């Protein structure tokens, strides 16, 4: 469906930009006071990105190979969504942090910018080459 195609491109680009910039001051802020640093907005983008990634795996554009045709953008959306949701959980949780979540946290923090760049590249390639296998 074309709606998921558009959402996949837009959310991969937005989530990738959020991951690339992190909590830096370089992130976009608007005159109205709205910022991409807002935790609730980051959570919403994370949830939408993960849902769109999942639905992108399940639905294909007409003439494209099911599942495999949109695999890279779908997996990128799922990964970005997971990271943004995990960041929200990590920042707002008062629960005891387990060893596994510490390992995931270290892995994410080390590779946050790389994953953001990959998501932006996936969005651009998916926009430019809509029917290429695995893109």
Foldseek 3Di string as FASTA:
>chain_A
DVVLLVLLLVLLLLLLLCLQCPQDPPFDADPVGDTPNDLVNLLVSLVSLLVSLVVPQQDADPPADHNQQAVQSSVLSNVSSVVSNLVSCVVPPPDDDDPVNVVVVVVCVVCSNVSSVSSNVSSVCCVVPVRDGND
